[in-house]
Protein backbone atom coordinates (compact mmCIF):
# COMPACT_ATOMS: atom_id res chain seq x y z
CA MET A 1 -0.15 0.03 -0.28
CA PHE A 2 3.03 2.39 0.68
CA GLU A 3 5.58 0.86 -1.46
CA ASN A 4 5.53 4.72 -3.72
CA LEU A 5 6.07 6.74 -0.68
CA SER A 6 8.65 7.96 -3.03
CA GLN A 7 6.72 10.15 -4.68
CA TYR A 8 4.47 12.05 -1.89
CA SER A 9 8.04 13.69 -0.39
CA MET A 10 7.08 16.89 -1.33
CA GLU A 11 3.98 16.85 -0.46
CA PHE A 12 5.70 15.95 3.88
CA LEU A 13 8.41 18.71 3.42
CA THR A 14 5.58 20.97 2.56
CA ILE A 15 3.05 20.18 5.12
CA ALA A 16 6.45 19.34 7.70
CA GLY A 17 7.54 22.85 6.93
CA VAL A 18 4.23 24.58 7.83
CA HIS A 19 3.69 22.67 10.96
CA LEU A 20 6.94 23.57 11.77
CA LEU A 21 6.59 27.13 11.23
CA ALA A 22 2.58 27.06 13.11
CA VAL A 23 3.33 24.44 16.25
CA ALA A 24 6.43 26.88 17.27
CA SER A 25 3.77 30.31 17.59
CA PRO A 26 2.56 31.18 20.76
CA GLY A 27 -0.78 30.13 20.71
CA PRO A 28 -3.62 28.39 23.65
CA ASP A 29 -1.10 24.90 23.48
CA PHE A 30 2.28 27.04 24.60
CA ALA A 31 0.16 28.56 27.21
CA VAL A 32 -1.31 25.89 28.28
CA VAL A 33 1.96 23.92 28.90
CA LEU A 34 4.02 26.97 30.25
CA LYS A 35 1.11 26.57 33.18
CA HIS A 36 1.14 22.90 33.42
CA SER A 37 5.18 23.06 33.49
CA VAL A 38 5.33 25.80 36.03
CA SER A 39 2.38 24.51 38.05
CA PHE A 40 2.12 21.27 38.52
CA GLY A 41 5.82 19.88 37.29
CA ARG A 42 7.33 18.21 34.11
CA ARG A 43 5.34 15.05 34.33
CA ALA A 44 1.63 17.09 34.02
CA ALA A 45 3.08 19.87 31.06
CA MET A 46 4.25 15.88 28.96
CA ILE A 47 1.24 13.99 29.53
CA THR A 48 -1.00 17.28 28.55
CA SER A 49 1.63 17.84 26.03
CA ILE A 50 0.81 14.03 24.18
CA GLY A 51 -2.41 14.87 24.68
CA ILE A 52 -2.28 18.23 22.41
CA GLY A 53 -0.83 15.69 20.21
CA LEU A 54 -3.92 12.88 20.64
CA GLY A 55 -5.62 15.77 19.55
CA ILE A 56 -3.96 16.11 16.31
CA LEU A 57 -6.01 13.23 15.12
CA VAL A 58 -9.33 15.60 16.13
CA HIS A 59 -8.26 17.44 12.56
CA VAL A 60 -7.41 14.21 10.77
CA ALA A 61 -10.63 12.25 11.18
CA TYR A 62 -12.51 15.29 9.80
CA SER A 63 -10.25 16.11 7.39
CA LEU A 64 -10.58 12.04 6.38
CA LEU A 65 -13.99 12.17 6.16
CA GLY A 66 -14.82 15.31 4.52
CA ILE A 67 -16.18 16.89 7.44
CA GLY A 68 -13.42 19.68 6.76
CA LEU A 69 -14.85 20.22 3.93
CA LEU A 70 -18.04 21.23 5.29
CA ILE A 71 -16.79 23.32 8.29
CA GLN A 72 -15.15 25.35 5.69
CA THR A 73 -18.02 26.04 3.66
CA THR A 74 -20.60 26.40 6.50
CA PRO A 75 -18.97 30.06 8.68
CA GLY A 76 -21.75 29.72 10.89
CA LEU A 77 -20.55 25.97 12.05
CA PHE A 78 -17.40 27.24 12.04
CA GLN A 79 -18.60 30.37 14.27
CA VAL A 80 -19.99 27.02 16.77
CA LEU A 81 -16.74 25.83 17.48
CA SER A 82 -14.36 29.94 17.72
CA TYR A 83 -17.71 30.27 20.47
CA ALA A 84 -16.31 26.39 21.58
CA ALA A 85 -13.03 27.10 21.79
CA ALA A 86 -13.49 30.39 23.62
CA ALA A 87 -15.25 29.80 26.26
CA TYR A 88 -13.70 26.58 26.65
CA LEU A 89 -9.68 29.25 27.49
CA LEU A 90 -11.79 31.64 29.31
CA TYR A 91 -12.45 28.22 31.81
CA LEU A 92 -9.02 27.44 32.40
CA GLY A 93 -8.09 31.37 32.19
CA TRP A 94 -10.31 32.39 34.42
CA GLY A 95 -9.13 29.59 36.97
CA ALA A 96 -5.09 31.10 36.70
CA ILE A 97 -5.81 34.27 36.94
CA ARG A 98 -8.02 33.89 40.41
CA SER A 99 -4.43 31.71 41.59
CA LYS A 100 -3.69 32.48 45.00
CA PRO A 101 0.82 32.92 45.88
CA ASN A 102 2.22 29.75 46.54
CA GLN A 103 3.41 29.21 50.00
CA ALA A 104 6.55 27.41 49.36
CA VAL A 105 9.56 26.83 46.04
CA ASP A 106 9.95 23.22 45.74
CA LEU A 107 13.40 22.22 43.95
CA ASN A 108 11.97 18.83 42.37
CA PRO A 109 10.84 19.47 38.85
CA ASP A 110 9.33 16.84 38.60
CA SER A 111 6.84 17.60 41.94
CA ALA A 112 4.03 20.54 41.68
CA ALA A 113 4.83 23.25 43.14
CA SER A 114 1.13 23.89 45.50
CA ASN A 115 -1.05 22.41 43.96
CA THR A 116 -1.46 18.77 41.97
CA VAL A 117 -4.17 17.50 39.10
CA SER A 118 -3.96 13.73 38.10
CA ASP A 119 -3.12 12.73 34.84
CA LYS A 120 -6.41 12.15 33.58
CA LYS A 121 -7.37 15.86 33.71
CA ALA A 122 -3.98 17.23 32.61
CA PHE A 123 -4.17 14.80 28.80
CA TRP A 124 -8.19 15.90 28.79
CA VAL A 125 -6.70 19.62 29.15
CA GLY A 126 -3.53 19.11 26.62
CA PHE A 127 -6.79 17.27 24.24
CA LEU A 128 -9.45 19.39 24.73
CA THR A 129 -7.32 22.86 24.46
CA ASN A 130 -6.19 21.76 20.68
CA GLY A 131 -8.64 19.23 19.94
CA LEU A 132 -11.12 23.15 20.14
CA ASN A 133 -8.71 25.09 18.43
CA PRO A 134 -9.97 26.95 15.95
CA LYS A 135 -6.11 27.80 14.57
CA ALA A 136 -5.44 24.46 14.34
CA THR A 137 -8.92 23.33 12.27
CA LEU A 138 -7.57 26.15 10.09
CA PHE A 139 -4.11 24.80 9.45
CA PHE A 140 -5.80 21.43 8.04
CA LEU A 141 -7.83 23.68 5.96
CA SER A 142 -5.86 25.46 4.44
CA VAL A 143 -3.20 23.05 4.45
CA PHE A 144 -5.36 19.58 3.36
CA ALA A 145 -7.03 21.45 0.92
CA VAL A 146 -3.68 23.16 -0.36
CA ALA A 147 -0.84 21.27 0.03
CA VAL A 148 -2.54 18.14 -0.37
CA SER A 149 -3.26 16.55 -3.70
CA ALA A 150 -7.07 15.17 -4.70
CA GLN A 151 -5.71 12.48 -5.41
CA THR A 152 -3.05 11.24 -2.60
CA PRO A 153 -4.82 8.37 -1.36
CA ASN A 154 -6.44 8.51 2.36
CA SER A 155 -4.17 5.59 3.76
CA ILE A 156 -1.09 8.84 2.65
CA LYS A 157 -2.68 11.25 4.59
CA LEU A 158 -3.21 9.20 7.60
CA LEU A 159 0.47 8.30 7.44
CA TYR A 160 0.88 12.34 7.34
CA GLY A 161 -1.11 13.24 9.68
CA LEU A 162 0.13 10.43 12.21
CA TYR A 163 2.93 12.74 11.64
CA LEU A 164 1.47 16.11 12.61
CA ALA A 165 0.71 14.39 15.92
CA ALA A 166 3.73 12.74 16.91
CA ALA A 167 5.64 15.63 15.98
CA THR A 168 3.55 18.06 18.22
CA ALA A 169 3.36 16.37 21.32
CA LEU A 170 7.06 15.13 20.64
CA TRP A 171 7.53 19.55 20.02
CA PHE A 172 5.72 20.35 23.93
CA CYS A 173 6.61 17.34 25.33
CA ILE A 174 10.86 19.29 24.81
CA LEU A 175 9.14 22.07 25.39
CA SER A 176 7.85 21.12 29.05
CA TYR A 177 11.36 19.15 29.16
CA CYS A 178 12.72 23.11 29.09
CA LEU A 179 9.96 24.46 30.63
CA SER A 180 10.37 22.24 33.69
CA SER A 181 13.91 21.96 34.58
CA THR A 182 14.54 23.15 38.19
CA LYS A 183 16.66 26.54 37.26
CA VAL A 184 13.88 27.64 34.58
CA ARG A 185 10.95 26.56 37.35
CA VAL A 186 12.30 28.46 40.38
CA PHE A 187 13.02 31.85 38.43
CA LEU A 188 9.36 31.04 36.94
CA GLN A 189 8.05 30.05 40.06
CA SER A 190 10.13 33.04 42.53
CA LYS A 191 7.32 35.28 40.16
CA GLY A 192 4.57 33.28 42.32
CA TYR A 193 0.77 33.77 41.60
CA TRP A 194 1.06 36.61 38.98
CA PHE A 195 3.00 33.95 36.85
CA ASP A 196 -0.05 31.91 36.70
CA ARG A 197 -2.27 35.26 36.80
CA PHE A 198 -1.08 36.59 34.06
CA MET A 199 -0.77 33.28 32.36
CA GLY A 200 -4.55 33.35 32.77
CA ALA A 201 -4.38 37.00 31.41
CA ILE A 202 -3.59 35.24 28.29
CA LEU A 203 -6.00 32.32 27.71
CA ILE A 204 -8.79 35.10 28.14
CA LEU A 205 -7.53 37.57 25.45
CA LEU A 206 -7.22 34.18 23.52
CA ALA A 207 -10.87 33.06 23.96
CA VAL A 208 -12.20 37.11 23.72
CA LYS A 209 -10.14 37.25 20.20
CA LEU A 210 -11.88 34.07 19.39
CA ALA A 211 -15.17 35.03 20.48
CA ILE A 212 -15.55 38.42 18.72
CA PRO A 213 -15.15 38.36 14.43
CA GLU A 214 -12.38 40.35 13.13
């Protein structure tokens, strides 16, 4: 089935290049990973990163099923998705902006500063943040429409999607590792609840940007 993969190499390189630029740009995924790295530690941040990566598969699924075309041609549906994402980011942001001062700074990069979060919750926060992210929706609608040929088999498109999911998870896992290192984390934690409030404000601003059409 995949004996002629070489003929799709240019498609793949195009998608990989665009994805690298997209995933590196600040957005909801970055804000959530950054917050979890500092507030909950390395383990929680990495599980959140895996959730973000698997959230990509939501976009892969509707692209392969043709639902992406429906979203693209139905502005009202896309707006509903934007409102849902805005509400979720507002929920996360409001929780962060209400953070209280830490009593102490924990030097262990694998432990939480003053709060804990379950692996399940960390995963779902990452998964939903990406799965409901209109930025990711626009990425897939544009890339699969422009960079991927209509003649490309779904099996190849699925491979593209699996790569994007794995690459996204890897990127944020690396980011989590760096941000939760002892020196970086202690520096950020020294700002205490002001850091959490700042990240909460960023999430709320992202929510407002999604909810208010340009």
